[in-house]
Protein backbone atom coordinates (compact mmCIF):
# COMPACT_ATOMS: atom_id res chain seq x y z
CA UNK A 1 -90.89 -70.79 -16.51
CA UNK A 2 -88.73 -72.93 -18.75
CA UNK A 3 -88.31 -69.98 -21.13
CA UNK A 4 -87.29 -67.74 -18.19
CA UNK A 5 -84.68 -70.27 -17.03
CA UNK A 6 -83.29 -70.53 -20.57
CA UNK A 7 -83.01 -66.74 -20.86
CA UNK A 8 -81.24 -66.51 -17.48
CA UNK A 9 -78.76 -69.22 -18.52
CA UNK A 10 -78.13 -67.40 -21.82
CA UNK A 11 -77.45 -64.07 -20.07
CA UNK A 12 -75.00 -65.70 -17.65
CA UNK A 13 -73.16 -67.39 -20.52
CA UNK A 14 -72.90 -64.11 -22.50
CA UNK A 15 -71.58 -62.28 -19.41
CA UNK A 16 -68.92 -64.95 -18.81
CA UNK A 17 -67.79 -64.84 -22.45
CA UNK A 18 -67.61 -61.02 -22.40
CA UNK A 19 -65.62 -61.07 -19.17
CA UNK A 20 -63.16 -63.59 -20.54
CA UNK A 21 -62.70 -61.57 -23.74
CA UNK A 22 -62.11 -58.32 -21.86
CA UNK A 23 -59.53 -60.04 -19.68
CA UNK A 24 -57.83 -61.58 -22.69
CA UNK A 25 -57.64 -58.27 -24.58
CA UNK A 26 -56.23 -56.32 -21.61
CA UNK A 27 -52.81 -54.91 -22.70
CA UNK A 28 -49.78 -56.49 -21.10
CA UNK A 29 -47.91 -53.90 -19.00
CA UNK A 30 -44.55 -52.95 -20.52
CA UNK A 31 -41.45 -53.72 -18.44
CA UNK A 32 -40.27 -50.75 -16.43
CA UNK A 33 -37.06 -49.18 -17.79
CA UNK A 34 -34.07 -49.41 -15.49
CA UNK A 35 -33.50 -46.10 -13.73
CA UNK A 36 -30.83 -44.03 -15.45
CA UNK A 37 -27.77 -43.15 -13.40
CA UNK A 38 -28.14 -39.56 -12.29
CA UNK A 39 -25.10 -37.28 -12.75
CA UNK A 40 -23.33 -36.54 -9.49
CA UNK A 41 -24.17 -33.11 -8.16
CA UNK A 42 -21.26 -30.84 -7.31
CA UNK A 43 -20.49 -30.45 -3.65
CA UNK A 44 -22.41 -27.71 -1.91
CA UNK A 45 -20.39 -24.89 -0.34
CA UNK A 46 -19.54 -25.55 3.27
CA UNK A 47 -21.20 -23.36 5.89
CA UNK A 48 -19.08 -20.45 7.05
CA UNK A 49 -17.24 -20.72 10.34
CA UNK A 50 -18.03 -18.15 13.04
CA UNK A 51 -15.44 -15.72 11.67
CA UNK A 52 -14.61 -12.35 13.21
CA UNK A 53 -13.50 -9.23 11.35
CA UNK A 54 -11.52 -10.03 8.22
CA UNK A 55 -11.34 -13.77 8.93
CA UNK A 56 -13.00 -15.67 6.10
CA UNK A 57 -11.82 -13.13 3.53
CA UNK A 58 -9.67 -14.14 0.57
CA UNK A 59 -6.26 -12.44 0.53
CA UNK A 60 -4.39 -11.85 -2.73
CA UNK A 61 -0.76 -10.94 -2.16
CA UNK A 62 1.26 -8.94 -4.68
CA UNK A 63 4.75 -8.64 -3.20
CA UNK A 64 6.02 -5.61 -5.13
CA UNK A 65 9.14 -5.86 -7.25
CA UNK A 66 12.50 -4.23 -7.88
CA UNK A 67 13.41 -4.68 -11.54
CA UNK A 68 12.60 -3.64 -15.08
CA UNK A 69 9.54 -5.41 -16.41
CA UNK A 70 8.90 -5.92 -20.14
CA UNK A 71 10.73 -2.71 -21.12
CA UNK A 72 8.64 -0.74 -18.64
CA UNK A 73 10.54 1.10 -15.93
CA UNK A 74 9.62 0.17 -12.37
CA UNK A 75 10.80 2.11 -9.35
CA UNK A 76 13.42 0.64 -7.01
CA UNK A 77 10.84 0.16 -4.26
CA UNK A 78 7.27 -0.82 -5.17
CA UNK A 79 4.75 -1.07 -2.34
CA UNK A 80 3.23 -4.54 -1.93
CA UNK A 81 -0.52 -5.17 -2.05
CA UNK A 82 -2.80 -7.36 0.03
CA UNK A 83 -6.08 -7.25 -1.89
CA UNK A 84 -9.29 -8.38 -0.16
CA UNK A 85 -12.35 -10.32 -1.34
CA UNK A 86 -15.09 -10.61 1.27
CA UNK A 87 -16.90 -13.82 2.28
CA UNK A 88 -19.20 -13.59 -0.74
CA UNK A 89 -16.35 -12.93 -3.17
CA UNK A 90 -16.89 -9.18 -3.53
CA UNK A 91 -13.73 -7.07 -3.82
CA UNK A 92 -13.48 -4.63 -0.92
CA UNK A 93 -10.03 -2.99 -1.01
CA UNK A 94 -6.38 -3.38 -0.04
CA UNK A 95 -5.42 -4.25 3.54
CA UNK A 96 -2.12 -2.36 3.33
CA UNK A 97 -3.19 0.72 1.39
CA UNK A 98 -6.61 1.12 3.08
CA UNK A 99 -6.15 -0.22 6.62
CA UNK A 100 -2.46 0.64 7.23
CA UNK A 101 -1.90 3.82 5.23
CA UNK A 102 0.95 5.36 7.21
CA UNK A 103 3.06 2.43 8.38
CA UNK A 104 6.79 2.99 8.61
CA UNK A 105 8.67 1.89 5.50
CA UNK A 106 5.69 1.57 3.18
CA UNK A 107 7.36 3.67 0.46
CA UNK A 108 10.71 1.94 0.78
CA UNK A 109 10.04 -1.82 0.78
CA UNK A 110 9.41 -4.47 -1.86
CA UNK A 111 9.66 -8.21 -2.61
CA UNK A 112 7.58 -9.38 0.36
CA UNK A 113 7.08 -13.00 1.42
CA UNK A 114 3.84 -14.06 3.10
CA UNK A 115 3.42 -16.47 6.04
CA UNK A 116 0.30 -17.53 7.93
CA UNK A 117 1.15 -17.74 11.61
CA UNK A 118 -1.47 -18.34 14.31
CA UNK A 119 -3.27 -15.07 14.93
CA UNK A 120 -0.87 -13.30 12.53
CA UNK A 121 -0.41 -12.72 8.83
CA UNK A 122 3.32 -12.07 8.37
CA UNK A 123 4.89 -10.09 5.54
CA UNK A 124 8.68 -10.12 5.35
CA UNK A 125 10.03 -7.51 2.94
CA UNK A 126 13.36 -8.65 1.54
CA UNK A 127 14.38 -5.11 0.64
CA UNK A 128 14.10 -2.03 2.83
CA UNK A 129 15.68 1.05 1.24
CA UNK A 130 14.87 3.54 3.99
CA UNK A 131 18.58 3.80 4.87
CA UNK A 132 21.85 3.13 3.07
CA UNK A 133 22.62 -0.16 4.87
CA UNK A 134 21.19 -3.40 3.47
CA UNK A 135 18.09 -4.20 5.51
CA UNK A 136 14.76 -6.06 5.46
CA UNK A 137 11.50 -5.48 7.35
CA UNK A 138 8.93 -7.65 9.13
CA UNK A 139 5.26 -6.68 9.31
CA UNK A 140 2.99 -8.74 11.60
CA UNK A 141 -0.71 -8.13 10.91
CA UNK A 142 -3.53 -9.23 13.20
CA UNK A 143 -5.59 -11.85 11.37
CA UNK A 144 -8.94 -10.40 12.51
CA UNK A 145 -8.34 -6.67 11.99
CA UNK A 146 -5.47 -6.85 9.44
CA UNK A 147 -3.85 -3.96 11.30
CA UNK A 148 -0.08 -4.02 11.70
CA UNK A 149 0.87 -5.13 15.23
CA UNK A 150 4.67 -5.26 14.80
CA UNK A 151 6.87 -3.39 12.36
CA UNK A 152 10.54 -4.35 12.73
CA UNK A 153 13.46 -3.26 10.54
CA UNK A 154 16.04 -6.05 10.24
CA UNK A 155 19.79 -5.76 9.69
CA UNK A 156 22.05 -8.81 9.53
CA UNK A 157 24.43 -9.02 12.53
CA UNK A 158 28.12 -8.87 11.58
CA UNK A 159 27.45 -8.62 7.84
CA UNK A 160 25.54 -6.68 5.21
CA UNK A 161 23.00 -8.93 3.43
CA UNK A 162 19.29 -8.80 2.79
CA UNK A 163 17.06 -11.65 3.98
CA UNK A 164 16.81 -14.37 1.31
CA UNK A 165 14.11 -16.62 2.81
CA UNK A 166 11.99 -16.55 5.97
CA UNK A 167 8.99 -18.02 7.77
CA UNK A 168 6.98 -17.01 10.83
CA UNK A 169 5.55 -19.32 13.51
CA UNK A 170 2.32 -18.98 15.49
CA UNK A 171 3.98 -17.04 18.34
CA UNK A 172 5.28 -14.44 15.88
CA UNK A 173 8.89 -15.65 16.06
CA UNK A 174 10.48 -15.36 12.61
CA UNK A 175 13.30 -17.48 11.23
CA UNK A 176 15.58 -15.74 8.74
CA UNK A 177 18.13 -16.95 6.17
CA UNK A 178 20.62 -14.30 5.03
CA UNK A 179 23.20 -16.46 3.23
CA UNK A 180 24.64 -19.99 3.11
CA UNK A 181 25.54 -20.04 6.80
CA UNK A 182 23.83 -17.00 8.29
CA UNK A 183 20.55 -18.03 9.95
CA UNK A 184 18.78 -16.22 12.83
CA UNK A 185 15.60 -16.28 14.91
CA UNK A 186 13.85 -12.97 15.58
CA UNK A 187 11.62 -12.51 18.64
CA UNK A 188 8.92 -9.91 17.92
CA UNK A 189 8.68 -8.55 21.48
CA UNK A 190 12.16 -7.00 21.41
CA UNK A 191 13.28 -7.42 17.79
CA UNK A 192 16.33 -9.39 18.98
CA UNK A 193 18.16 -11.70 16.55
CA UNK A 194 19.63 -14.97 17.89
CA UNK A 195 21.78 -17.32 15.74
CA UNK A 196 20.38 -20.76 14.93
CA UNK A 197 22.02 -23.89 13.55
CA UNK A 198 20.78 -25.27 10.24
CA UNK A 199 21.88 -28.69 8.99
CA UNK A 200 22.07 -30.00 5.47
CA UNK A 201 24.47 -29.00 2.70
CA UNK A 202 26.21 -25.64 2.93
CA UNK A 203 24.14 -24.03 0.22
CA UNK A 204 21.86 -21.05 -0.26
CA UNK A 205 18.25 -21.53 0.89
CA UNK A 206 15.93 -22.67 -1.87
CA UNK A 207 12.69 -21.76 -0.08
CA UNK A 208 10.96 -21.58 3.31
CA UNK A 209 7.44 -22.27 4.59
CA UNK A 210 5.57 -22.73 7.87
CA UNK A 211 2.32 -23.89 9.45
CA UNK A 212 1.39 -22.85 13.00
CA UNK A 213 4.20 -24.08 15.29
CA UNK A 214 6.40 -25.76 12.63
CA UNK A 215 8.57 -24.14 9.97
CA UNK A 216 10.88 -25.44 7.25
CA UNK A 217 13.93 -24.34 5.30
CA UNK A 218 14.94 -26.06 2.07
CA UNK A 219 18.47 -25.68 0.71
CA UNK A 220 19.69 -25.95 -2.85
CA UNK A 221 21.20 -29.30 -3.88
CA UNK A 222 19.76 -30.97 -0.77
CA UNK A 223 17.12 -33.70 -0.41
CA UNK A 224 15.75 -33.01 3.07
CA UNK A 225 13.37 -30.62 4.80
CA UNK A 226 14.93 -28.77 7.74
CA UNK A 227 12.28 -28.44 10.44
CA UNK A 228 12.07 -25.93 13.30
CA UNK A 229 9.46 -25.60 16.03
CA UNK A 230 8.71 -22.78 18.46
CA UNK A 231 11.80 -21.94 20.49
CA UNK A 232 14.14 -24.36 18.70
CA UNK A 233 17.66 -23.18 17.89
CA UNK A 234 18.70 -26.08 15.62
CA UNK A 235 17.00 -27.92 12.79
CA UNK A 236 15.77 -31.50 12.46
CA UNK A 237 16.24 -33.17 9.06
CA UNK A 238 13.30 -34.95 7.39
CA UNK A 239 14.24 -37.03 4.36
CA UNK A 240 12.18 -36.28 1.26
CA UNK A 241 13.95 -37.34 -1.93
CA UNK A 242 15.93 -40.60 -2.33
CA UNK A 243 19.70 -40.80 -2.59
CA UNK A 244 20.98 -39.24 -5.80
CA UNK A 245 18.09 -36.78 -6.16
CA UNK A 246 17.82 -33.21 -4.87
CA UNK A 247 14.89 -30.85 -4.32
CA UNK A 248 14.56 -28.21 -7.00
CA UNK A 249 11.18 -26.57 -6.30
CA UNK A 250 8.81 -25.90 -3.41
CA UNK A 251 5.13 -25.19 -4.13
CA UNK A 252 2.90 -23.59 -1.47
CA UNK A 253 -0.08 -25.89 -2.04
CA UNK A 254 -2.44 -24.23 0.46
CA UNK A 255 -2.84 -24.46 4.24
CA UNK A 256 -0.70 -27.14 5.80
CA UNK A 257 0.46 -28.61 2.48
CA UNK A 258 3.53 -28.25 0.30
CA UNK A 259 4.31 -30.04 -2.95
CA UNK A 260 8.03 -30.62 -3.53
CA UNK A 261 9.67 -31.49 -6.84
CA UNK A 262 13.02 -33.22 -7.16
CA UNK A 263 15.66 -33.32 -9.89
CA UNK A 264 14.09 -36.47 -11.40
CA UNK A 265 10.66 -34.81 -11.82
CA UNK A 266 9.09 -36.71 -8.95
CA UNK A 267 6.62 -34.85 -6.77
CA UNK A 268 5.99 -35.19 -3.03
CA UNK A 269 2.85 -34.10 -1.16
CA UNK A 270 4.21 -32.94 2.21
CA UNK A 271 2.23 -32.09 5.36
CA UNK A 272 3.96 -29.37 7.38
CA UNK A 273 1.66 -30.13 10.30
CA UNK A 274 2.64 -33.82 10.41
CA UNK A 275 6.19 -33.32 9.18
CA UNK A 276 6.05 -36.16 6.65
CA UNK A 277 5.41 -37.08 3.01
CA UNK A 278 1.80 -38.17 2.40
CA UNK A 279 2.08 -39.16 -1.27
CA UNK A 280 4.60 -39.50 -4.09
CA UNK A 281 3.69 -39.13 -7.75
CA UNK A 282 4.76 -38.26 -11.29
CA UNK A 283 2.80 -36.19 -13.83
CA UNK A 284 2.17 -36.59 -17.54
CA UNK A 285 2.48 -32.78 -17.85
CA UNK A 286 5.26 -30.88 -16.08
CA UNK A 287 4.09 -28.27 -13.58
CA UNK A 288 4.93 -24.59 -13.97
CA UNK A 289 5.36 -22.22 -11.07
CA UNK A 290 2.17 -22.94 -9.11
CA UNK A 291 0.34 -25.96 -7.62
CA UNK A 292 -2.46 -26.27 -5.05
CA UNK A 293 -4.06 -29.22 -3.26
CA UNK A 294 -7.66 -29.73 -2.13
CA UNK A 295 -7.63 -32.26 0.73
CA UNK A 296 -11.40 -32.90 0.60
CA UNK A 297 -11.26 -34.29 -2.95
CA UNK A 298 -7.54 -35.17 -3.06
CA UNK A 299 -7.31 -33.11 -6.26
CA UNK A 300 -4.17 -31.26 -7.31
CA UNK A 301 -4.39 -28.29 -9.69
CA UNK A 302 -1.31 -26.90 -11.42
CA UNK A 303 -0.17 -24.54 -14.16
CA UNK A 304 1.36 -26.10 -17.25
CA UNK A 305 4.99 -25.55 -18.15
CA UNK A 306 5.35 -26.66 -21.76
CA UNK A 307 6.51 -24.14 -24.42
CA UNK A 308 3.08 -24.35 -26.08
CA UNK A 309 1.05 -23.46 -22.99
CA UNK A 310 3.33 -20.74 -21.57
CA UNK A 311 1.69 -21.38 -18.20
CA UNK A 312 -1.67 -20.38 -19.66
CA UNK A 313 -3.22 -23.76 -18.89
CA UNK A 314 -4.52 -25.24 -15.63
CA UNK A 315 -4.45 -29.03 -15.26
CA UNK A 316 -6.08 -31.31 -12.68
CA UNK A 317 -5.08 -34.69 -11.28
CA UNK A 318 -6.51 -36.81 -8.45
CA UNK A 319 -4.50 -38.86 -5.98
CA UNK A 320 -5.67 -42.44 -5.51
CA UNK A 321 -7.11 -43.00 -2.03
CA UNK A 322 -5.48 -45.33 0.48
CA UNK A 323 -2.28 -45.58 -1.58
CA UNK A 324 0.84 -46.08 0.59
CA UNK A 325 3.04 -42.99 0.72
CA UNK A 326 5.99 -45.02 -0.58
CA UNK A 327 4.19 -45.85 -3.83
CA UNK A 328 4.92 -43.51 -6.74
CA UNK A 329 1.60 -42.85 -8.48
CA UNK A 330 1.55 -41.92 -12.16
CA UNK A 331 -1.12 -39.25 -12.54
CA UNK A 332 -2.74 -38.41 -15.87
CA UNK A 333 -3.13 -34.63 -16.20
CA UNK A 334 -6.50 -33.41 -17.50
CA UNK A 335 -7.18 -29.95 -18.89
CA UNK A 336 -9.23 -27.89 -16.43
CA UNK A 337 -9.01 -24.29 -17.70
CA UNK A 338 -7.13 -22.29 -20.33
CA UNK A 339 -6.61 -18.54 -20.38
CA UNK A 340 -8.29 -17.15 -23.48
CA UNK A 341 -6.48 -14.93 -25.95
CA UNK A 342 -2.84 -14.87 -26.90
CA UNK A 343 -1.87 -13.57 -30.31
CA UNK A 344 1.16 -11.67 -31.51
CA UNK A 345 -0.32 -8.55 -29.92
CA UNK A 346 -1.01 -10.14 -26.53
CA UNK A 347 1.80 -12.69 -26.28
CA UNK A 348 2.38 -11.87 -22.62
CA UNK A 349 -1.14 -12.88 -21.57
CA UNK A 350 -0.98 -15.78 -19.11
CA UNK A 351 2.44 -15.12 -17.57
CA UNK A 352 2.94 -15.10 -13.77
CA UNK A 353 0.09 -17.58 -13.26
CA UNK A 354 -0.85 -18.28 -9.62
CA UNK A 355 -3.51 -20.58 -8.16
CA UNK A 356 -5.36 -20.42 -4.85
CA UNK A 357 -8.26 -22.21 -3.15
CA UNK A 358 -11.19 -20.92 -1.09
CA UNK A 359 -12.46 -24.02 0.73
CA UNK A 360 -15.50 -22.16 2.11
CA UNK A 361 -16.84 -21.22 -1.33
CA UNK A 362 -15.38 -24.38 -2.94
CA UNK A 363 -13.73 -22.25 -5.59
CA UNK A 364 -10.38 -22.21 -7.39
CA UNK A 365 -8.74 -18.85 -8.16
CA UNK A 366 -6.48 -18.42 -11.19
CA UNK A 367 -4.49 -15.20 -11.63
CA UNK A 368 -2.19 -14.07 -14.42
CA UNK A 369 -0.51 -10.95 -15.81
CA UNK A 370 -2.40 -9.36 -18.70
CA UNK A 371 -0.04 -7.14 -20.72
CA UNK A 372 -1.64 -7.57 -24.12
CA UNK A 373 -3.81 -5.43 -26.39
CA UNK A 374 -1.02 -4.21 -28.68
CA UNK A 375 1.52 -3.15 -26.06
CA UNK A 376 2.12 -2.56 -22.37
CA UNK A 377 -0.36 -0.60 -20.32
CA UNK A 378 0.56 2.54 -18.44
CA UNK A 379 0.50 0.29 -15.40
CA UNK A 380 0.46 -3.44 -14.73
CA UNK A 381 -2.82 -5.35 -14.77
CA UNK A 382 -3.40 -8.78 -13.25
CA UNK A 383 -6.60 -10.72 -13.84
CA UNK A 384 -8.21 -13.35 -11.62
CA UNK A 385 -10.96 -15.82 -12.54
CA UNK A 386 -12.92 -18.02 -10.14
CA UNK A 387 -13.66 -21.63 -11.08
CA UNK A 388 -15.61 -24.40 -9.34
CA UNK A 389 -13.42 -26.85 -7.41
CA UNK A 390 -15.70 -29.73 -8.35
CA UNK A 391 -18.02 -29.88 -11.33
CA UNK A 392 -20.19 -32.28 -13.32
CA UNK A 393 -19.60 -30.27 -16.52
CA UNK A 394 -17.37 -31.35 -19.34
CA UNK A 395 -13.81 -30.07 -19.04
CA UNK A 396 -12.44 -27.47 -19.42
CA UNK A 397 -14.74 -25.69 -16.99
CA UNK A 398 -16.33 -22.31 -17.42
CA UNK A 399 -15.35 -19.46 -15.14
CA UNK A 400 -17.67 -18.21 -12.43
CA UNK A 401 -16.32 -14.66 -12.16
CA UNK A 402 -13.56 -12.27 -13.24
CA UNK A 403 -11.61 -9.58 -11.37
CA UNK A 404 -9.13 -6.94 -12.54
CA UNK A 405 -6.29 -5.81 -10.25
CA UNK A 406 -4.60 -2.66 -11.50
CA UNK A 407 -0.96 -1.85 -10.66
CA UNK A 408 -0.40 -5.49 -9.66
CA UNK A 409 2.37 -7.22 -11.60
CA UNK A 410 2.63 -10.56 -9.83
CA UNK A 411 -0.03 -12.01 -7.52
CA UNK A 412 2.05 -14.65 -5.76
CA UNK A 413 -0.29 -15.90 -3.02
CA UNK A 414 -4.07 -16.39 -2.94
CA UNK A 415 -5.37 -17.78 0.33
CA UNK A 416 -8.38 -17.97 2.64
CA UNK A 417 -7.82 -15.98 5.84
CA UNK A 418 -9.32 -18.74 7.97
CA UNK A 419 -9.38 -18.96 11.75
CA UNK A 420 -7.77 -22.07 13.18
């Protein structure tokens, strides 16, 4: 019995020692590493709106031209183009050549300006050569069908000038600048021209733009925007640049936005809808002929202007949020994309650069004239690449797609045909 008790005590002692040893030798868990910061995913494309017909398509506007181009003869009148990319980005034709084949004046007009206006897309041809008298022509296209609804030949009352600048409002009324003092409003129902009064300095119009029921003229050597609304016969002045500066360039930045540049290389983000300056800024790289603005990200994209880039480079800057409009922000330009190529044999590659935004697909479009490969082609060729608007990749970004547009010398406008 005593031996049994001793054995039991021994077994218990051995078990306790073994348990203590196993607990002591158990590996200490390593500290968990801090979770690494995940790279921000690019924004997903927004869902499409309930578009009808050609709404939601991307429109690429080549206005036609009336001049010699790089030693290549161009006819006096060159028909404009309105190329179409569908909602997925597939090229599907030309709204003018395919949907409006036999419209009056199509062989005799060139140098068209484009306006978005309510249910209309407006094309104002500066030059109409169908008769001997100086004349222009207005084409109003239905936004859904892209069929021409109004086709009006325009002659200046009491003089003989072509239209210099114009814009169209949402009711189809079109405001026209013929010269320093000759301004008229055209009503599309009867084609009647009524004189309007435009303030500011007595100078030629620098540019014109509109959004829905508001339109604007800008005059050379002036510092204000001259606003009109539907039915108005005189302008209202909106101060843009400070005393001593004048506006020298107007950029169609997409949708409701313009970017204005003054003689001191200051830039102004201007909302046509609100009729006011939203931001003021300077750039570390001067902008070339094209700038666009993405309101969702507050990013501005622009073509470079330095002798080295020859407008072959796209830069990006971002406006600081919640900055008062009176503050002049200094924005550091970052390389976003550069057109490849450019040697002695293709020195014209990258000219005529134009930018556009498709907010549905969250893509940036970059177009340029491609006249390289050892000499001019038998016809003009413009190229367009698509880029992501936002990306987590290192800059410059890689292109998403490439399009060729034959017989197009100068794509001036790239916009989303979006319903309001």
